[in-house]
Amino acid sequence: MSIEEVFSSKGRVKILRILAEIGELNISEIARRAGLNYATTNQHLLVLENQGLIRHKKFGRIRIFRFNEEKPRAKIIKKLIETWEQTNKSESNHE
């Protein structure tokens, strides 16, 4: 999958941003914060996980998702989101 395909979905970008900010969350909390339904969130998470950007761990039936820090692309995307948010705040303070 190309970078355009990964970033072509607002839902996927929202999920990546949420995980960059919070660290790790379960699917229900990701869905709530992203304003998406459970099924759509699950589909986006599967795509992101198949691309190696995120991973999950299981606690019984609960899956907790986080960035896959072992993958360079995931680390770069997380850093991009963090830098983007920091510069947004900095620019807002200067207006």
PDB file of N, CA and C in Angstrom:
ATOM      1  N   MET A   1       0.860  -1.181   0.000  1.00  0.00           N
ATOM      2  CA  MET A   1       0.000   0.000   0.000  1.00  0.00           C
ATOM      3  C   MET A   1       0.900   1.235   0.000  1.00  0.00           C
ATOM      4  N   SER A   2       0.536   2.214  -0.796  1.00  0.00           N
ATOM      5  CA  SER A   2       1.333   3.437  -0.891  1.00  0.00           C
ATOM      6  C   SER A   2       0.997   4.387   0.257  1.00  0.00           C
ATOM      7  N   ILE A   3       1.864   5.361   0.444  1.00  0.00           N
ATOM      8  CA  ILE A   3       1.629   6.361   1.486  1.00  0.00           C
ATOM      9  C   ILE A   3       0.349   7.146   1.198  1.00  0.00           C
ATOM     10  N   GLU A   4       0.067   7.361  -0.082  1.00  0.00           N
ATOM     11  CA  GLU A   4      -1.165   8.069  -0.453  1.00  0.00           C
ATOM     12  C   GLU A   4      -2.387   7.291   0.012  1.00  0.00           C
ATOM     13  N   GLU A   5      -2.338   5.975  -0.138  1.00  0.00           N
ATOM     14  CA  GLU A   5      -3.466   5.148   0.280  1.00  0.00           C
ATOM     15  C   GLU A   5      -3.621   5.145   1.800  1.00  0.00           C
ATOM     16  N   VAL A   6      -2.523   5.107   2.517  1.00  0.00           N
ATOM     17  CA  VAL A   6      -2.594   5.127   3.984  1.00  0.00           C
ATOM     18  C   VAL A   6      -3.193   6.443   4.450  1.00  0.00           C
ATOM     19  N   PHE A   7      -2.723   7.562   3.890  1.00  0.00           N
ATOM     20  CA  PHE A   7      -3.173   8.881   4.329  1.00  0.00           C
ATOM     21  C   PHE A   7      -4.414   9.389   3.605  1.00  0.00           C
ATOM     22  N   SER A   8      -4.971   8.603   2.689  1.00  0.00           N
ATOM     23  CA  SER A   8      -6.141   9.054   1.927  1.00  0.00           C
ATOM     24  C   SER A   8      -7.431   9.011   2.740  1.00  0.00           C
ATOM     25  N   SER A   9      -7.387   8.379   3.876  1.00  0.00           N
ATOM     26  CA  SER A   9      -8.578   8.245   4.711  1.00  0.00           C
ATOM     27  C   SER A   9      -8.465   9.120   5.957  1.00  0.00           C
ATOM     28  N   LYS A  10      -9.440  10.015   6.126  1.00  0.00           N
ATOM     29  CA  LYS A  10      -9.462  10.836   7.334  1.00  0.00           C
ATOM     30  C   LYS A  10      -9.535   9.965   8.580  1.00  0.00           C
ATOM     31  N   GLY A  11     -10.266   8.873   8.489  1.00  0.00           N
ATOM     32  CA  GLY A  11     -10.404   7.969   9.623  1.00  0.00           C
ATOM     33  C   GLY A  11      -9.062   7.388  10.049  1.00  0.00           C
ATOM     34  N   ARG A  12      -8.270   6.947   9.091  1.00  0.00           N
ATOM     35  CA  ARG A  12      -6.956   6.390   9.417  1.00  0.00           C
ATOM     36  C   ARG A  12      -6.041   7.457   9.996  1.00  0.00           C
ATOM     37  N   VAL A  13      -6.079   8.658   9.427  1.00  0.00           N
ATOM     38  CA  VAL A  13      -5.251   9.751   9.941  1.00  0.00           C
ATOM     39  C   VAL A  13      -5.673  10.095  11.367  1.00  0.00           C
ATOM     40  N   LYS A  14      -6.986  10.144  11.621  1.00  0.00           N
ATOM     41  CA  LYS A  14      -7.471  10.421  12.980  1.00  0.00           C
ATOM     42  C   LYS A  14      -6.981   9.365  13.963  1.00  0.00           C
ATOM     43  N   ILE A  15      -7.056   8.122  13.562  1.00  0.00           N
ATOM     44  CA  ILE A  15      -6.614   7.025  14.436  1.00  0.00           C
ATOM     45  C   ILE A  15      -5.119   7.144  14.723  1.00  0.00           C
ATOM     46  N   LEU A  16      -4.327   7.409  13.706  1.00  0.00           N
ATOM     47  CA  LEU A  16      -2.890   7.569  13.906  1.00  0.00           C
ATOM     48  C   LEU A  16      -2.603   8.737  14.842  1.00  0.00           C
ATOM     49  N   ARG A  17      -3.319   9.826  14.661  1.00  0.00           N
ATOM     50  CA  ARG A  17      -3.129  11.005  15.511  1.00  0.00           C
ATOM     51  C   ARG A  17      -3.497  10.706  16.964  1.00  0.00           C
ATOM     52  N   ILE A  18      -4.591  10.023  17.168  1.00  0.00           N
ATOM     53  CA  ILE A  18      -5.037   9.663  18.514  1.00  0.00           C
ATOM     54  C   ILE A  18      -4.005   8.773  19.191  1.00  0.00           C
ATOM     55  N   LEU A  19      -3.522   7.764  18.485  1.00  0.00           N
ATOM     56  CA  LEU A  19      -2.531   6.862  19.074  1.00  0.00           C
ATOM     57  C   LEU A  19      -1.203   7.579  19.326  1.00  0.00           C
ATOM     58  N   ALA A  20      -0.854   8.549  18.485  1.00  0.00           N
ATOM     59  CA  ALA A  20       0.367   9.323  18.714  1.00  0.00           C
ATOM     60  C   ALA A  20       0.233  10.153  19.990  1.00  0.00           C
ATOM     61  N   GLU A  21      -0.947  10.718  20.206  1.00  0.00           N
ATOM     62  CA  GLU A  21      -1.198  11.550  21.389  1.00  0.00           C
ATOM     63  C   GLU A  21      -1.312  10.736  22.672  1.00  0.00           C
ATOM     64  N   ILE A  22      -2.115   9.693  22.641  1.00  0.00           N
ATOM     65  CA  ILE A  22      -2.481   8.957  23.849  1.00  0.00           C
ATOM     66  C   ILE A  22      -1.505   7.831  24.164  1.00  0.00           C
ATOM     67  N   GLY A  23      -0.993   7.180  23.145  1.00  0.00           N
ATOM     68  CA  GLY A  23      -0.089   6.061  23.373  1.00  0.00           C
ATOM     69  C   GLY A  23      -0.744   4.750  23.004  1.00  0.00           C
ATOM     70  N   GLU A  24      -1.660   4.290  23.826  1.00  0.00           N
ATOM     71  CA  GLU A  24      -2.355   3.042  23.513  1.00  0.00           C
ATOM     72  C   GLU A  24      -3.782   3.103  24.033  1.00  0.00           C
ATOM     73  N   LEU A  25      -4.681   2.516  23.247  1.00  0.00           N
ATOM     74  CA  LEU A  25      -6.104   2.520  23.580  1.00  0.00           C
ATOM     75  C   LEU A  25      -6.773   1.277  23.029  1.00  0.00           C
ATOM     76  N   ASN A  26      -7.935   0.959  23.597  1.00  0.00           N
ATOM     77  CA  ASN A  26      -8.733  -0.131  23.044  1.00  0.00           C
ATOM     78  C   ASN A  26      -9.575   0.397  21.886  1.00  0.00           C
ATOM     79  N   ILE A  27     -10.113  -0.513  21.113  1.00  0.00           N
ATOM     80  CA  ILE A  27     -10.832  -0.139  19.887  1.00  0.00           C
ATOM     81  C   ILE A  27     -12.052   0.735  20.170  1.00  0.00           C
ATOM     82  N   SER A  28     -12.775   0.469  21.241  1.00  0.00           N
ATOM     83  CA  SER A  28     -13.961   1.271  21.556  1.00  0.00           C
ATOM     84  C   SER A  28     -13.587   2.718  21.851  1.00  0.00           C
ATOM     85  N   GLU A  29     -12.516   2.912  22.585  1.00  0.00           N
ATOM     86  CA  GLU A  29     -12.074   4.274  22.924  1.00  0.00           C
ATOM     87  C   GLU A  29     -11.517   4.988  21.692  1.00  0.00           C
ATOM     88  N   ILE A  30     -10.826   4.259  20.832  1.00  0.00           N
ATOM     89  CA  ILE A  30     -10.341   4.853  19.579  1.00  0.00           C
ATOM     90  C   ILE A  30     -11.526   5.300  18.738  1.00  0.00           C
ATOM     91  N   ALA A  31     -12.526   4.438  18.614  1.00  0.00           N
ATOM     92  CA  ALA A  31     -13.724   4.760  17.826  1.00  0.00           C
ATOM     93  C   ALA A  31     -14.411   6.001  18.382  1.00  0.00           C
ATOM     94  N   ARG A  32     -14.563   6.059  19.698  1.00  0.00           N
ATOM     95  CA  ARG A  32     -15.239   7.196  20.332  1.00  0.00           C
ATOM     96  C   ARG A  32     -14.478   8.490  20.064  1.00  0.00           C
ATOM     97  N   ARG A  33     -13.176   8.477  20.288  1.00  0.00           N
ATOM     98  CA  ARG A  33     -12.361   9.685  20.100  1.00  0.00           C
ATOM     99  C   ARG A  33     -12.286  10.120  18.641  1.00  0.00           C
ATOM    100  N   ALA A  34     -12.318   9.154  17.718  1.00  0.00           N
ATOM    101  CA  ALA A  34     -12.232   9.468  16.284  1.00  0.00           C
ATOM    102  C   ALA A  34     -13.589   9.828  15.686  1.00  0.00           C
ATOM    103  N   GLY A  35     -14.667   9.574  16.438  1.00  0.00           N
ATOM    104  CA  GLY A  35     -16.008   9.841  15.917  1.00  0.00           C
ATOM    105  C   GLY A  35     -16.409   8.854  14.839  1.00  0.00           C
ATOM    106  N   LEU A  36     -15.932   7.620  14.966  1.00  0.00           N
ATOM    107  CA  LEU A  36     -16.214   6.570  13.991  1.00  0.00           C
ATOM    108  C   LEU A  36     -16.970   5.437  14.667  1.00  0.00           C
ATOM    109  N   ASN A  37     -17.677   4.638  13.876  1.00  0.00           N
ATOM    110  CA  ASN A  37     -18.326   3.473  14.473  1.00  0.00           C
ATOM    111  C   ASN A  37     -17.299   2.349  14.641  1.00  0.00           C
ATOM    112  N   TYR A  38     -17.694   1.346  15.387  1.00  0.00           N
ATOM    113  CA  TYR A  38     -16.789   0.250  15.733  1.00  0.00           C
ATOM    114  C   TYR A  38     -16.293  -0.483  14.486  1.00  0.00           C
ATOM    115  N   ALA A  39     -17.204  -0.798  13.565  1.00  0.00           N
ATOM    116  CA  ALA A  39     -16.832  -1.575  12.374  1.00  0.00           C
ATOM    117  C   ALA A  39     -15.831  -0.812  11.498  1.00  0.00           C
ATOM    118  N   THR A  40     -16.077   0.473  11.289  1.00  0.00           N
ATOM    119  CA  THR A  40     -15.176   1.289  10.481  1.00  0.00           C
ATOM    120  C   THR A  40     -13.810   1.406  11.155  1.00  0.00           C
ATOM    121  N   THR A  41     -13.824   1.626  12.456  1.00  0.00           N
ATOM    122  CA  THR A  41     -12.575   1.718  13.209  1.00  0.00           C
ATOM    123  C   THR A  41     -11.789   0.418  13.094  1.00  0.00           C
ATOM    124  N   ASN A  42     -12.484  -0.687  13.242  1.00  0.00           N
ATOM    125  CA  ASN A  42     -11.831  -1.995  13.140  1.00  0.00           C
ATOM    126  C   ASN A  42     -11.192  -2.186  11.763  1.00  0.00           C
ATOM    127  N   GLN A  43     -11.883  -1.789  10.703  1.00  0.00           N
ATOM    128  CA  GLN A  43     -11.341  -1.910   9.345  1.00  0.00           C
ATOM    129  C   GLN A  43     -10.069  -1.071   9.189  1.00  0.00           C
ATOM    130  N   HIS A  44     -10.113   0.174   9.679  1.00  0.00           N
ATOM    131  CA  HIS A  44      -8.936   1.049   9.594  1.00  0.00           C
ATOM    132  C   HIS A  44      -7.770   0.472  10.397  1.00  0.00           C
ATOM    133  N   LEU A  45      -8.067  -0.049  11.576  1.00  0.00           N
ATOM    134  CA  LEU A  45      -7.017  -0.636  12.402  1.00  0.00           C
ATOM    135  C   LEU A  45      -6.369  -1.840  11.707  1.00  0.00           C
ATOM    136  N   LEU A  46      -7.178  -2.639  11.034  1.00  0.00           N
ATOM    137  CA  LEU A  46      -6.644  -3.790  10.294  1.00  0.00           C
ATOM    138  C   LEU A  46      -5.698  -3.337   9.190  1.00  0.00           C
ATOM    139  N   VAL A  47      -6.083  -2.301   8.451  1.00  0.00           N
ATOM    140  CA  VAL A  47      -5.231  -1.775   7.382  1.00  0.00           C
ATOM    141  C   VAL A  47      -3.915  -1.271   7.966  1.00  0.00           C
ATOM    142  N   LEU A  48      -4.016  -0.478   9.038  1.00  0.00           N
ATOM    143  CA  LEU A  48      -2.815   0.091   9.653  1.00  0.00           C
ATOM    144  C   LEU A  48      -1.916  -0.997  10.233  1.00  0.00           C
ATOM    145  N   GLU A  49      -2.531  -2.021  10.796  1.00  0.00           N
ATOM    146  CA  GLU A  49      -1.743  -3.120  11.350  1.00  0.00           C
ATOM    147  C   GLU A  49      -1.090  -3.939  10.235  1.00  0.00           C
ATOM    148  N   ASN A  50      -1.819  -4.173   9.147  1.00  0.00           N
ATOM    149  CA  ASN A  50      -1.253  -4.907   8.010  1.00  0.00           C
ATOM    150  C   ASN A  50      -0.071  -4.165   7.389  1.00  0.00           C
ATOM    151  N   GLN A  51      -0.064  -2.843   7.518  1.00  0.00           N
ATOM    152  CA  GLN A  51       1.045  -2.032   7.005  1.00  0.00           C
ATOM    153  C   GLN A  51       2.192  -1.935   8.008  1.00  0.00           C
ATOM    154  N   GLY A  52       2.008  -2.532   9.184  1.00  0.00           N
ATOM    155  CA  GLY A  52       3.062  -2.539  10.193  1.00  0.00           C
ATOM    156  C   GLY A  52       3.162  -1.259  10.994  1.00  0.00           C
ATOM    157  N   LEU A  53       2.175  -0.359  10.844  1.00  0.00           N
ATOM    158  CA  LEU A  53       2.239   0.930  11.527  1.00  0.00           C
ATOM    159  C   LEU A  53       1.793   0.844  12.985  1.00  0.00           C
ATOM    160  N   ILE A  54       0.850  -0.034  13.248  1.00  0.00           N
ATOM    161  CA  ILE A  54       0.387  -0.219  14.622  1.00  0.00           C
ATOM    162  C   ILE A  54       0.414  -1.703  14.947  1.00  0.00           C
ATOM    163  N   ARG A  55       0.290  -2.007  16.214  1.00  0.00           N
ATOM    164  CA  ARG A  55       0.192  -3.395  16.652  1.00  0.00           C
ATOM    165  C   ARG A  55      -0.778  -3.444  17.814  1.00  0.00           C
ATOM    166  N   HIS A  56      -1.177  -4.642  18.163  1.00  0.00           N
ATOM    167  CA  HIS A  56      -2.076  -4.772  19.306  1.00  0.00           C
ATOM    168  C   HIS A  56      -1.605  -5.892  20.217  1.00  0.00           C
ATOM    169  N   LYS A  57      -2.063  -5.800  21.432  1.00  0.00           N
ATOM    170  CA  LYS A  57      -1.873  -6.886  22.389  1.00  0.00           C
ATOM    171  C   LYS A  57      -3.244  -7.208  22.947  1.00  0.00           C
ATOM    172  N   LYS A  58      -3.420  -8.449  23.336  1.00  0.00           N
ATOM    173  CA  LYS A  58      -4.725  -8.909  23.813  1.00  0.00           C
ATOM    174  C   LYS A  58      -4.698  -9.139  25.310  1.00  0.00           C
ATOM    175  N   PHE A  59      -5.789  -8.735  25.934  1.00  0.00           N
ATOM    176  CA  PHE A  59      -6.060  -9.041  27.329  1.00  0.00           C
ATOM    177  C   PHE A  59      -7.443  -9.672  27.344  1.00  0.00           C
ATOM    178  N   GLY A  60      -7.474 -10.994  27.246  1.00  0.00           N
ATOM    179  CA  GLY A  60      -8.762 -11.667  27.095  1.00  0.00           C
ATOM    180  C   GLY A  60      -9.351 -11.303  25.751  1.00  0.00           C
ATOM    181  N   ARG A  61     -10.542 -10.710  25.764  1.00  0.00           N
ATOM    182  CA  ARG A  61     -11.196 -10.299  24.513  1.00  0.00           C
ATOM    183  C   ARG A  61     -10.856  -8.869  24.118  1.00  0.00           C
ATOM    184  N   ILE A  62     -10.162  -8.152  24.979  1.00  0.00           N
ATOM    185  CA  ILE A  62      -9.851  -6.745  24.726  1.00  0.00           C
ATOM    186  C   ILE A  62      -8.526  -6.637  23.974  1.00  0.00           C
ATOM    187  N   ARG A  63      -8.550  -5.834  22.902  1.00  0.00           N
ATOM    188  CA  ARG A  63      -7.328  -5.564  22.140  1.00  0.00           C
ATOM    189  C   ARG A  63      -6.908  -4.114  22.401  1.00  0.00           C
ATOM    190  N   ILE A  64      -5.650  -3.933  22.740  1.00  0.00           N
ATOM    191  CA  ILE A  64      -5.095  -2.607  22.978  1.00  0.00           C
ATOM    192  C   ILE A  64      -4.138  -2.295  21.825  1.00  0.00           C
ATOM    193  N   PHE A  65      -4.366  -1.140  21.160  1.00  0.00           N
ATOM    194  CA  PHE A  65      -3.580  -0.757  19.989  1.00  0.00           C
ATOM    195  C   PHE A  65      -2.598   0.346  20.327  1.00  0.00           C
ATOM    196  N   ARG A  66      -1.433   0.302  19.662  1.00  0.00           N
ATOM    197  CA  ARG A  66      -0.412   1.336  19.821  1.00  0.00           C
ATOM    198  C   ARG A  66       0.454   1.362  18.563  1.00  0.00           C
ATOM    199  N   PHE A  67       1.246   2.424  18.420  1.00  0.00           N
ATOM    200  CA  PHE A  67       2.185   2.476  17.302  1.00  0.00           C
ATOM    201  C   PHE A  67       3.175   1.332  17.419  1.00  0.00           C
ATOM    202  N   ASN A  68       3.610   0.805  16.281  1.00  0.00           N
ATOM    203  CA  ASN A  68       4.594  -0.270  16.237  1.00  0.00           C
ATOM    204  C   ASN A  68       5.988   0.364  16.196  1.00  0.00           C
ATOM    205  N   GLU A  69       6.517   0.666  17.360  1.00  0.00           N
ATOM    206  CA  GLU A  69       7.798   1.380  17.479  1.00  0.00           C
ATOM    207  C   GLU A  69       8.976   0.623  16.861  1.00  0.00           C
ATOM    208  N   GLU A  70       8.797  -0.661  16.575  1.00  0.00           N
ATOM    209  CA  GLU A  70       9.872  -1.448  15.970  1.00  0.00           C
ATOM    210  C   GLU A  70      10.026  -1.159  14.478  1.00  0.00           C
ATOM    211  N   LYS A  71       9.018  -0.571  13.872  1.00  0.00           N
ATOM    212  CA  LYS A  71       9.042  -0.301  12.433  1.00  0.00           C
ATOM    213  C   LYS A  71       9.419   1.154  12.165  1.00  0.00           C
ATOM    214  N   PRO A  72      10.442   1.387  11.342  1.00  0.00           N
ATOM    215  CA  PRO A  72      10.879   2.765  11.051  1.00  0.00           C
ATOM    216  C   PRO A  72       9.764   3.655  10.509  1.00  0.00           C
ATOM    217  N   ARG A  73       8.929   3.125   9.611  1.00  0.00           N
ATOM    218  CA  ARG A  73       7.843   3.951   9.056  1.00  0.00           C
ATOM    219  C   ARG A  73       6.881   4.407  10.136  1.00  0.00           C
ATOM    220  N   ALA A  74       6.563   3.531  11.073  1.00  0.00           N
ATOM    221  CA  ALA A  74       5.641   3.882  12.157  1.00  0.00           C
ATOM    222  C   ALA A  74       6.249   4.967  13.038  1.00  0.00           C
ATOM    223  N   LYS A  75       7.539   4.827  13.352  1.00  0.00           N
ATOM    224  CA  LYS A  75       8.217   5.831  14.174  1.00  0.00           C
ATOM    225  C   LYS A  75       8.243   7.186  13.472  1.00  0.00           C
ATOM    226  N   ILE A  76       8.471   7.170  12.169  1.00  0.00           N
ATOM    227  CA  ILE A  76       8.520   8.415  11.393  1.00  0.00           C
ATOM    228  C   ILE A  76       7.151   9.080  11.371  1.00  0.00           C
ATOM    229  N   ILE A  77       6.106   8.298  11.149  1.00  0.00           N
ATOM    230  CA  ILE A  77       4.752   8.856  11.110  1.00  0.00           C
ATOM    231  C   ILE A  77       4.374   9.426  12.477  1.00  0.00           C
ATOM    232  N   LYS A  78       4.704   8.716  13.541  1.00  0.00           N
ATOM    233  CA  LYS A  78       4.417   9.211  14.885  1.00  0.00           C
ATOM    234  C   LYS A  78       5.155  10.523  15.128  1.00  0.00           C
ATOM    235  N   LYS A  79       6.418  10.593  14.738  1.00  0.00           N
ATOM    236  CA  LYS A  79       7.212  11.817  14.912  1.00  0.00           C
ATOM    237  C   LYS A  79       6.631  12.959  14.081  1.00  0.00           C
ATOM    238  N   LEU A  80       6.194  12.670  12.858  1.00  0.00           N
ATOM    239  CA  LEU A  80       5.562  13.675  12.011  1.00  0.00           C
ATOM    240  C   LEU A  80       4.326  14.255  12.686  1.00  0.00           C
ATOM    241  N   ILE A  81       3.471  13.400  13.209  1.00  0.00           N
ATOM    242  CA  ILE A  81       2.242  13.853  13.872  1.00  0.00           C
ATOM    243  C   ILE A  81       2.581  14.699  15.094  1.00  0.00           C
ATOM    244  N   GLU A  82       3.515  14.231  15.904  1.00  0.00           N
ATOM    245  CA  GLU A  82       3.908  14.977  17.102  1.00  0.00           C
ATOM    246  C   GLU A  82       4.482  16.346  16.733  1.00  0.00           C
ATOM    247  N   THR A  83       5.337  16.396  15.724  1.00  0.00           N
ATOM    248  CA  THR A  83       5.931  17.658  15.285  1.00  0.00           C
ATOM    249  C   THR A  83       4.868  18.589  14.722  1.00  0.00           C
ATOM    250  N   TRP A  84       3.956  18.041  13.947  1.00  0.00           N
ATOM    251  CA  TRP A  84       2.875  18.830  13.365  1.00  0.00           C
ATOM    252  C   TRP A  84       2.043  19.477  14.471  1.00  0.00           C
ATOM    253  N   GLU A  85       1.686  18.695  15.481  1.00  0.00           N
ATOM    254  CA  GLU A  85       0.869  19.209  16.588  1.00  0.00           C
ATOM    255  C   GLU A  85       1.630  20.284  17.372  1.00  0.00           C
ATOM    256  N   GLN A  86       2.913  20.075  17.610  1.00  0.00           N
ATOM    257  CA  GLN A  86       3.719  21.055  18.342  1.00  0.00           C
ATOM    258  C   GLN A  86       3.821  22.372  17.578  1.00  0.00           C
ATOM    259  N   THR A  87       4.050  22.291  16.265  1.00  0.00           N
ATOM    260  CA  THR A  87       4.165  23.523  15.485  1.00  0.00           C
ATOM    261  C   THR A  87       2.822  24.223  15.362  1.00  0.00           C
ATOM    262  N   ASN A  88       1.727  23.457  15.330  1.00  0.00           N
ATOM    263  CA  ASN A  88       0.396  24.072  15.328  1.00  0.00           C
ATOM    264  C   ASN A  88       0.181  24.894  16.588  1.00  0.00           C
ATOM    265  N   LYS A  89       0.541  24.322  17.737  1.00  0.00           N
ATOM    266  CA  LYS A  89       0.388  25.025  19.010  1.00  0.00           C
ATOM    267  C   LYS A  89       1.282  26.253  19.046  1.00  0.00           C
ATOM    268  N   SER A  90       2.512  26.102  18.576  1.00  0.00           N
ATOM    269  CA  SER A  90       3.459  27.209  18.560  1.00  0.00           C
ATOM    270  C   SER A  90       2.964  28.337  17.660  1.00  0.00           C
ATOM    271  N   GLU A  91       2.470  28.013  16.484  1.00  0.00           N
ATOM    272  CA  GLU A  91       1.953  29.015  15.560  1.00  0.00           C
ATOM    273  C   GLU A  91       0.718  29.706  16.108  1.00  0.00           C
ATOM    274  N   SER A  92      -0.135  28.948  16.809  1.00  0.00           N
ATOM    275  CA  SER A  92      -1.343  29.517  17.418  1.00  0.00           C
ATOM    276  C   SER A  92      -0.990  30.533  18.496  1.00  0.00           C
ATOM    277  N   ASN A  93       0.070  30.287  19.237  1.00  0.00           N
ATOM    278  CA  ASN A  93       0.502  31.195  20.302  1.00  0.00           C
ATOM    279  C   ASN A  93       1.073  32.486  19.764  1.00  0.00           C
ATOM    280  N   HIS A  94       1.554  32.472  18.521  1.00  0.00           N
ATOM    281  CA  HIS A  94       2.174  33.660  17.936  1.00  0.00           C
ATOM    282  C   HIS A  94       1.179  34.536  17.176  1.00  0.00           C
ATOM    283  N   GLU A  95      -0.055  34.085  17.076  1.00  0.00           N
ATOM    284  CA  GLU A  95      -1.067  34.878  16.330  1.00  0.00           C
ATOM    285  C   GLU A  95      -1.742  35.868  17.233  1.00  0.00           C
TER     286      GLU A  95
END
